[in-house]
C-alpha atoms as a PDB file:
ATOM      1  CA  MET A   1     -26.113   7.349   9.675  1.00  0.00           C
ATOM      2  CA  ILE A   2     -22.416   6.841  10.309  1.00  0.00           C
ATOM      3  CA  PRO A   3     -20.083   8.550   7.806  1.00  0.00           C
ATOM      4  CA  TRP A   4     -18.601   5.825   5.638  1.00  0.00           C
ATOM      5  CA  ARG A   5     -15.057   7.184   5.775  1.00  0.00           C
ATOM      6  CA  GLN A   6     -15.147   7.102   9.567  1.00  0.00           C
ATOM      7  CA  ARG A   7     -16.425   3.508   9.573  1.00  0.00           C
ATOM      8  CA  CYS A   8     -13.799   2.402   7.031  1.00  0.00           C
ATOM      9  CA  GLU A   9     -10.948   3.948   8.997  1.00  0.00           C
ATOM     10  CA  GLU A  10     -12.172   2.523  12.302  1.00  0.00           C
ATOM     11  CA  ALA A  11     -12.654  -0.969  10.864  1.00  0.00           C
ATOM     12  CA  LEU A  12      -9.278  -0.917   9.191  1.00  0.00           C
ATOM     13  CA  LYS A  13      -7.476   0.382  12.285  1.00  0.00           C
ATOM     14  CA  ALA A  14      -9.007  -2.274  14.513  1.00  0.00           C
ATOM     15  CA  TRP A  15      -7.769  -4.995  12.143  1.00  0.00           C
ATOM     16  CA  THR A  16      -4.310  -3.605  11.459  1.00  0.00           C
ATOM     17  CA  GLU A  17      -3.440  -2.789  15.080  1.00  0.00           C
ATOM     18  CA  ALA A  18      -4.450  -6.255  16.278  1.00  0.00           C
ATOM     19  CA  ASP A  19      -2.471  -7.872  13.470  1.00  0.00           C
ATOM     20  CA  ALA A  20       0.567  -5.655  14.054  1.00  0.00           C
ATOM     21  CA  LEU A  21       0.582  -6.552  17.760  1.00  0.00           C
ATOM     22  CA  ARG A  22       0.484 -10.226  16.789  1.00  0.00           C
ATOM     23  CA  PHE A  23       3.296  -9.710  14.302  1.00  0.00           C
ATOM     24  CA  TRP A  24       5.680  -7.757  16.566  1.00  0.00           C
ATOM     25  CA  ARG A  25       4.919  -9.677  19.779  1.00  0.00           C
ATOM     26  CA  VAL A  26       5.922  -6.589  21.722  1.00  0.00           C
ATOM     27  CA  ALA A  27       4.165  -3.281  22.224  1.00  0.00           C
ATOM     28  CA  HIS A  28       4.502   0.234  23.545  1.00  0.00           C
ATOM     29  CA  ALA A  29       2.255   0.808  26.533  1.00  0.00           C
ATOM     30  CA  GLY A  30       0.650   4.216  26.929  1.00  0.00           C
ATOM     31  CA  PRO A  31      -2.516   6.041  27.947  1.00  0.00           C
ATOM     32  CA  GLU A  32      -4.377   4.551  24.965  1.00  0.00           C
ATOM     33  CA  GLY A  33      -3.269   1.016  25.768  1.00  0.00           C
ATOM     34  CA  GLU A  34      -0.818  -1.197  23.920  1.00  0.00           C
ATOM     35  CA  ARG A  35       0.356   0.083  20.562  1.00  0.00           C
ATOM     36  CA  PRO A  36       2.379  -1.874  17.988  1.00  0.00           C
ATOM     37  CA  LEU A  37       5.935  -0.817  17.211  1.00  0.00           C
ATOM     38  CA  PHE A  38       4.803   0.084  13.700  1.00  0.00           C
ATOM     39  CA  ASP A  39       1.413  -0.401  12.076  1.00  0.00           C
ATOM     40  CA  TYR A  40       2.651  -1.006   8.549  1.00  0.00           C
ATOM     41  CA  ARG A  41      -0.686  -2.051   7.061  1.00  0.00           C
ATOM     42  CA  PHE A  42      -2.469   1.094   8.218  1.00  0.00           C
ATOM     43  CA  GLU A  43       0.364   3.380   7.062  1.00  0.00           C
ATOM     44  CA  HIS A  44       0.441   1.715   3.643  1.00  0.00           C
ATOM     45  CA  THR A  45      -3.335   1.924   3.320  1.00  0.00           C
ATOM     46  CA  PHE A  46      -3.462   5.588   4.329  1.00  0.00           C
ATOM     47  CA  ALA A  47      -0.868   6.321   1.647  1.00  0.00           C
ATOM     48  CA  ALA A  48      -3.036   4.489  -0.892  1.00  0.00           C
ATOM     49  CA  VAL A  49      -6.088   6.490   0.220  1.00  0.00           C
ATOM     50  CA  LYS A  50      -4.241   9.774  -0.275  1.00  0.00           C
ATOM     51  CA  LEU A  51      -3.240   8.639  -3.755  1.00  0.00           C
ATOM     52  CA  ALA A  52      -6.795   7.517  -4.546  1.00  0.00           C
ATOM     53  CA  ARG A  53      -8.064  10.981  -3.624  1.00  0.00           C
ATOM     54  CA  TRP A  54      -5.445  12.509  -5.902  1.00  0.00           C
ATOM     55  CA  LEU A  55      -5.821  10.140  -8.856  1.00  0.00           C
ATOM     56  CA  ALA A  56      -9.567   9.522  -9.226  1.00  0.00           C
ATOM     57  CA  PRO A  57     -10.558  13.131 -10.048  1.00  0.00           C
ATOM     58  CA  ARG A  58      -7.725  13.408 -12.564  1.00  0.00           C
ATOM     59  CA  VAL A  59      -9.012  10.552 -14.680  1.00  0.00           C
ATOM     60  CA  GLY A  60     -12.756  10.983 -14.154  1.00  0.00           C
ATOM     61  CA  ALA A  61     -13.253   7.958 -11.911  1.00  0.00           C
ATOM     62  CA  ASP A  62     -15.883   7.757  -9.181  1.00  0.00           C
ATOM     63  CA  LEU A  63     -14.027   9.085  -6.131  1.00  0.00           C
ATOM     64  CA  GLN A  64     -16.336   7.406  -3.612  1.00  0.00           C
ATOM     65  CA  VAL A  65     -15.731   3.999  -5.138  1.00  0.00           C
ATOM     66  CA  VAL A  66     -11.965   4.410  -5.485  1.00  0.00           C
ATOM     67  CA  GLU A  67     -11.428   5.887  -2.034  1.00  0.00           C
ATOM     68  CA  CYS A  68     -13.644   3.326  -0.318  1.00  0.00           C
ATOM     69  CA  ALA A  69     -11.836   0.516  -2.121  1.00  0.00           C
ATOM     70  CA  ALA A  70      -8.510   2.037  -1.076  1.00  0.00           C
ATOM     71  CA  TRP A  71      -9.545   2.090   2.581  1.00  0.00           C
ATOM     72  CA  LEU A  72     -10.676  -1.534   2.534  1.00  0.00           C
ATOM     73  CA  HIS A  73      -8.440  -3.251  -0.043  1.00  0.00           C
ATOM     74  CA  ASP A  74      -6.191  -4.791   2.629  1.00  0.00           C
ATOM     75  CA  CYS A  75      -8.679  -4.849   5.502  1.00  0.00           C
ATOM     76  CA  ARG A  76      -8.253  -8.620   5.877  1.00  0.00           C
ATOM     77  CA  LYS A  77      -4.573  -8.964   5.013  1.00  0.00           C
ATOM     78  CA  ARG A  78      -2.177 -10.323   7.645  1.00  0.00           C
ATOM     79  CA  LEU A  79       1.497  -9.528   7.994  1.00  0.00           C
ATOM     80  CA  ASN A  80       3.783 -12.486   7.127  1.00  0.00           C
ATOM     81  CA  ALA A  81       0.850 -14.704   6.103  1.00  0.00           C
ATOM     82  CA  PRO A  82       1.991 -17.676   3.958  1.00  0.00           C
ATOM     83  CA  GLU A  83       1.599 -16.753   0.298  1.00  0.00           C
ATOM     84  CA  ALA A  84      -0.227 -20.001  -0.458  1.00  0.00           C
ATOM     85  CA  LYS A  85      -2.883 -19.041   2.095  1.00  0.00           C
ATOM     86  CA  ASP A  86      -3.166 -15.386   1.101  1.00  0.00           C
ATOM     87  CA  HIS A  87      -6.712 -14.790  -0.093  1.00  0.00           C
ATOM     88  CA  HIS A  88      -6.871 -11.295   1.329  1.00  0.00           C
ATOM     89  CA  ALA A  89      -8.471  -9.674  -1.734  1.00  0.00           C
ATOM     90  CA  GLN A  90     -11.404 -12.091  -1.678  1.00  0.00           C
ATOM     91  CA  ASP A  91     -11.674 -11.888   2.130  1.00  0.00           C
ATOM     92  CA  ALA A  92     -11.605  -8.080   2.047  1.00  0.00           C
ATOM     93  CA  SER A  93     -14.233  -8.000  -0.695  1.00  0.00           C
ATOM     94  CA  ALA A  94     -16.490 -10.265   1.344  1.00  0.00           C
ATOM     95  CA  ALA A  95     -16.199  -7.925   4.345  1.00  0.00           C
ATOM     96  CA  VAL A  96     -17.173  -4.746   2.484  1.00  0.00           C
ATOM     97  CA  ALA A  97     -20.942  -4.958   2.843  1.00  0.00           C
ATOM     98  CA  ASP A  98     -20.789  -5.623   6.594  1.00  0.00           C
ATOM     99  CA  ILE A  99     -18.326  -2.776   7.189  1.00  0.00           C
ATOM    100  CA  LEU A 100     -20.442  -0.298   5.219  1.00  0.00           C
ATOM    101  CA  ALA A 101     -23.761  -1.409   6.740  1.00  0.00           C
ATOM    102  CA  GLY A 102     -25.454   1.477   8.520  1.00  0.00           C
ATOM    103  CA  THR A 103     -23.275   4.098   6.855  1.00  0.00           C
ATOM    104  CA  ASP A 104     -24.097   6.727   4.269  1.00  0.00           C
ATOM    105  CA  PHE A 105     -22.191   4.919   1.503  1.00  0.00           C
ATOM    106  CA  PRO A 106     -24.437   4.408  -1.567  1.00  0.00           C
ATOM    107  CA  PRO A 107     -25.310   0.679  -1.584  1.00  0.00           C
ATOM    108  CA  GLU A 108     -25.515   0.587  -5.367  1.00  0.00           C
ATOM    109  CA  LYS A 109     -21.772   1.347  -5.512  1.00  0.00           C
ATOM    110  CA  ILE A 110     -20.719  -1.562  -3.294  1.00  0.00           C
ATOM    111  CA  PRO A 111     -20.309  -4.022  -6.231  1.00  0.00           C
ATOM    112  CA  ALA A 112     -17.841  -1.612  -7.875  1.00  0.00           C
ATOM    113  CA  VAL A 113     -15.876  -1.351  -4.618  1.00  0.00           C
ATOM    114  CA  ARG A 114     -15.733  -5.122  -4.337  1.00  0.00           C
ATOM    115  CA  HIS A 115     -14.637  -5.543  -7.955  1.00  0.00           C
ATOM    116  CA  ALA A 116     -11.779  -3.095  -7.479  1.00  0.00           C
ATOM    117  CA  ILE A 117     -10.611  -4.853  -4.308  1.00  0.00           C
ATOM    118  CA  GLU A 118     -10.749  -8.282  -5.924  1.00  0.00           C
ATOM    119  CA  HIS A 119      -8.460  -7.132  -8.755  1.00  0.00           C
ATOM    120  CA  HIS A 120      -5.843  -5.056  -6.920  1.00  0.00           C
ATOM    121  CA  VAL A 121      -3.335  -7.874  -6.367  1.00  0.00           C
ATOM    122  CA  GLY A 122      -0.051  -8.433  -8.204  1.00  0.00           C
ATOM    123  CA  LEU A 123       2.894  -6.196  -9.056  1.00  0.00           C
ATOM    124  CA  ARG A 124       2.683  -6.398 -12.844  1.00  0.00           C
ATOM    125  CA  LEU A 125      -0.100  -6.290 -15.399  1.00  0.00           C
ATOM    126  CA  THR A 126      -0.239  -7.567 -18.961  1.00  0.00           C
ATOM    127  CA  ARG A 127      -3.258  -5.400 -19.825  1.00  0.00           C
ATOM    128  CA  ARG A 128      -5.044  -2.384 -18.443  1.00  0.00           C
ATOM    129  CA  LEU A 129      -7.715  -3.104 -15.879  1.00  0.00           C
ATOM    130  CA  GLU A 130     -11.360  -2.128 -16.303  1.00  0.00           C
ATOM    131  CA  PRO A 131     -13.485  -0.392 -15.221  1.00  0.00           C
ATOM    132  CA  LEU A 132     -11.669   2.834 -14.451  1.00  0.00           C
ATOM    133  CA  GLU A 133     -12.283   2.607 -10.696  1.00  0.00           C
ATOM    134  CA  THR A 134     -10.595  -0.797 -10.572  1.00  0.00           C
ATOM    135  CA  ALA A 135      -7.684   0.578 -12.593  1.00  0.00           C
ATOM    136  CA  CYS A 136      -7.346   3.532 -10.201  1.00  0.00           C
ATOM    137  CA  LEU A 137      -7.201   1.343  -7.102  1.00  0.00           C
ATOM    138  CA  TRP A 138      -4.440  -0.786  -8.631  1.00  0.00           C
ATOM    139  CA  ASP A 139      -2.437   2.316  -9.501  1.00  0.00           C
ATOM    140  CA  ALA A 140      -2.949   3.963  -6.097  1.00  0.00           C
ATOM    141  CA  ASP A 141      -2.014   0.788  -4.248  1.00  0.00           C
ATOM    142  CA  LYS A 142       1.179   0.315  -6.249  1.00  0.00           C
ATOM    143  CA  LEU A 143       2.174   3.981  -6.163  1.00  0.00           C
ATOM    144  CA  SER A 144       2.063   3.768  -2.371  1.00  0.00           C
ATOM    145  CA  LYS A 145       4.898   1.240  -2.613  1.00  0.00           C
ATOM    146  CA  LEU A 146       7.121   3.702  -4.483  1.00  0.00           C
ATOM    147  CA  GLY A 147       8.755   6.923  -3.326  1.00  0.00           C
ATOM    148  CA  ALA A 148       9.846   8.497  -0.051  1.00  0.00           C
ATOM    149  CA  ALA A 149       6.984   7.266   2.135  1.00  0.00           C
ATOM    150  CA  SER A 150       7.532   3.706   0.943  1.00  0.00           C
ATOM    151  CA  LEU A 151      11.149   3.897   2.123  1.00  0.00           C
ATOM    152  CA  VAL A 152       9.926   4.835   5.594  1.00  0.00           C
ATOM    153  CA  HIS A 153       7.364   2.036   5.604  1.00  0.00           C
ATOM    154  CA  PHE A 154       9.726  -0.669   4.342  1.00  0.00           C
ATOM    155  CA  THR A 155      12.560   0.353   6.673  1.00  0.00           C
ATOM    156  CA  CYS A 156      10.289   0.399   9.723  1.00  0.00           C
ATOM    157  CA  ILE A 157       8.786  -3.028   9.015  1.00  0.00           C
ATOM    158  CA  ALA A 158      11.996  -4.788   7.891  1.00  0.00           C
ATOM    159  CA  PRO A 159      13.286  -5.819  11.368  1.00  0.00           C
ATOM    160  CA  GLY A 160      10.009  -7.586  12.043  1.00  0.00           C
ATOM    161  CA  PHE A 161      10.811 -10.203   9.402  1.00  0.00           C
ATOM    162  CA  ARG A 162      14.498 -10.825  10.087  1.00  0.00           C
ATOM    163  CA  PRO A 163      17.546  -9.183  11.656  1.00  0.00           C
ATOM    164  CA  THR A 164      18.680  -6.379   9.389  1.00  0.00           C
ATOM    165  CA  ASP A 165      21.483  -3.913   8.841  1.00  0.00           C
ATOM    166  CA  THR A 166      22.431  -1.262   6.310  1.00  0.00           C
ATOM    167  CA  ALA A 167      23.950  -3.734   3.849  1.00  0.00           C
ATOM    168  CA  ALA A 168      20.823  -5.903   3.920  1.00  0.00           C
ATOM    169  CA  ILE A 169      18.567  -2.885   3.438  1.00  0.00           C
ATOM    170  CA  LEU A 170      20.669  -1.835   0.461  1.00  0.00           C
ATOM    171  CA  GLU A 171      20.585  -5.307  -1.088  1.00  0.00           C
ATOM    172  CA  ARG A 172      16.821  -5.626  -0.724  1.00  0.00           C
ATOM    173  CA  GLY A 173      16.352  -2.066  -1.927  1.00  0.00           C
ATOM    174  CA  LEU A 174      18.250  -2.700  -5.146  1.00  0.00           C
ATOM    175  CA  ARG A 175      16.107  -5.770  -5.792  1.00  0.00           C
ATOM    176  CA  TRP A 176      13.005  -3.706  -5.109  1.00  0.00           C
ATOM    177  CA  VAL A 177      14.069  -1.072  -7.636  1.00  0.00           C
ATOM    178  CA  ASP A 178      14.036  -3.779 -10.308  1.00  0.00           C
ATOM    179  CA  LEU A 179      10.485  -4.697  -9.312  1.00  0.00           C
ATOM    180  CA  ALA A 180       9.530  -1.024  -9.193  1.00  0.00           C
ATOM    181  CA  ARG A 181      10.474  -0.635 -12.855  1.00  0.00           C
ATOM    182  CA  GLY A 182       7.920  -3.313 -13.696  1.00  0.00           C
ATOM    183  CA  ILE A 183       5.307  -1.582 -11.556  1.00  0.00           C
ATOM    184  CA  ALA A 184       5.864   1.713 -13.381  1.00  0.00           C
ATOM    185  CA  ASP A 185       5.501  -0.061 -16.731  1.00  0.00           C
ATOM    186  CA  SER A 186       2.199  -1.589 -15.593  1.00  0.00           C
ATOM    187  CA  MET A 187       0.355   1.561 -14.545  1.00  0.00           C
ATOM    188  CA  ASN A 188      -3.182   1.756 -15.908  1.00  0.00           C
ATOM    189  CA  THR A 189      -3.567   5.539 -16.030  1.00  0.00           C
ATOM    190  CA  ASP A 190      -1.421   8.270 -17.552  1.00  0.00           C
ATOM    191  CA  PRO A 191      -1.194  10.318 -14.324  1.00  0.00           C
ATOM    192  CA  GLY A 192      -0.350   7.149 -12.436  1.00  0.00           C
ATOM    193  CA  ARG A 193       2.443   6.314 -14.864  1.00  0.00           C
ATOM    194  CA  GLU A 194       3.890   9.823 -14.712  1.00  0.00           C
ATOM    195  CA  GLU A 195       3.914   9.764 -10.914  1.00  0.00           C
ATOM    196  CA  ALA A 196       5.350   6.240 -10.870  1.00  0.00           C
ATOM    197  CA  LEU A 197       8.264   7.346 -13.050  1.00  0.00           C
ATOM    198  CA  ARG A 198       8.954  10.315 -10.743  1.00  0.00           C
ATOM    199  CA  ARG A 199       8.944   8.045  -7.719  1.00  0.00           C
ATOM    200  CA  LEU A 200      11.044   5.435  -9.487  1.00  0.00           C
ATOM    201  CA  ALA A 201      13.683   8.060 -10.295  1.00  0.00           C
ATOM    202  CA  PHE A 202      13.742   9.039  -6.618  1.00  0.00           C
ATOM    203  CA  LEU A 203      14.200   5.409  -5.530  1.00  0.00           C
ATOM    204  CA  GLU A 204      16.978   4.858  -8.040  1.00  0.00           C
ATOM    205  CA  ALA A 205      18.792   7.985  -6.840  1.00  0.00           C
ATOM    206  CA  HIS A 206      18.306   7.051  -3.182  1.00  0.00           C
ATOM    207  CA  TYR A 207      19.730   3.553  -3.473  1.00  0.00           C
ATOM    208  CA  ASP A 208      22.482   4.769  -5.769  1.00  0.00           C
ATOM    209  CA  GLN A 209      23.514   7.227  -3.068  1.00  0.00           C
ATOM    210  CA  LEU A 210      23.255   4.583  -0.349  1.00  0.00           C
ATOM    211  CA  ARG A 211      25.385   2.184  -2.386  1.00  0.00           C
ATOM    212  CA  ARG A 212      27.995   4.902  -2.898  1.00  0.00           C
ATOM    213  CA  GLU A 213      28.098   5.768   0.812  1.00  0.00           C
ATOM    214  CA  TRP A 214      28.315   2.128   1.868  1.00  0.00           C
ATOM    215  CA  SER A 215      31.022   1.107  -0.611  1.00  0.00           C
ATOM    216  CA  ASP A 216      34.569   0.468   0.621  1.00  0.00           C
ATOM    217  CA  PRO A 217      36.324   2.651  -0.352  1.00  0.00           C
ATOM    218  CA  MET A 218      33.510   5.097  -1.039  1.00  0.00           C
ATOM    219  CA  GLU A 219      32.748   5.446  -4.740  1.00  0.00           C
ATOM    220  CA  PRO A 220      33.220   8.881  -6.277  1.00  0.00           C
ATOM    221  CA  ALA A 221      30.084  10.886  -6.897  1.00  0.00           C
ATOM    222  CA  ALA A 222      28.663  10.749 -10.401  1.00  0.00           C
ATOM    223  CA  PRO A 223      29.765  13.728 -12.549  1.00  0.00           C
END
């Protein structure tokens, strides 16, 4: 049988590379063929997988379910798809069984994977999600949008949407920090919330520093 992690990564990579090539409309040519300028969806997902592996054992969640859901939660999401037509959570959930067919993933756990994927959307929650595996996926997905790696991901993908410069990155970053505060407040798990607050503090300090450097004249450093 095929290892399920291998199948998940291969299926995800095939989708994200094809979509990234469509999005950028230009590629780097090399020995392995055409590669997109930046495969944002794969990089984001891999960050979420790392966080799923970290978070699930800390809260007693089923690691197989949470990690599998992390690999596949955006496996049908397209870059710059119109929001009104974005049904990626439902589409990803529907693809799970086919992707895992012929692998060593326990079939009885597939419904839990699908439930987690179907409920990972949105940047704020009004109540904690259940079961725990679904809560963990939401936290891992949102944590991947906070912190140092998220800055790399957002900066690399930004020129694909519109022309950008330092001032525009700063403006969008300050707006994102406001959204990030809501994300931190919405975390389902205690470890997730603690990590979100650490990452939020980093983002606030980063954009504060960028604003100071880009001011005219440059603002004095905080005492």
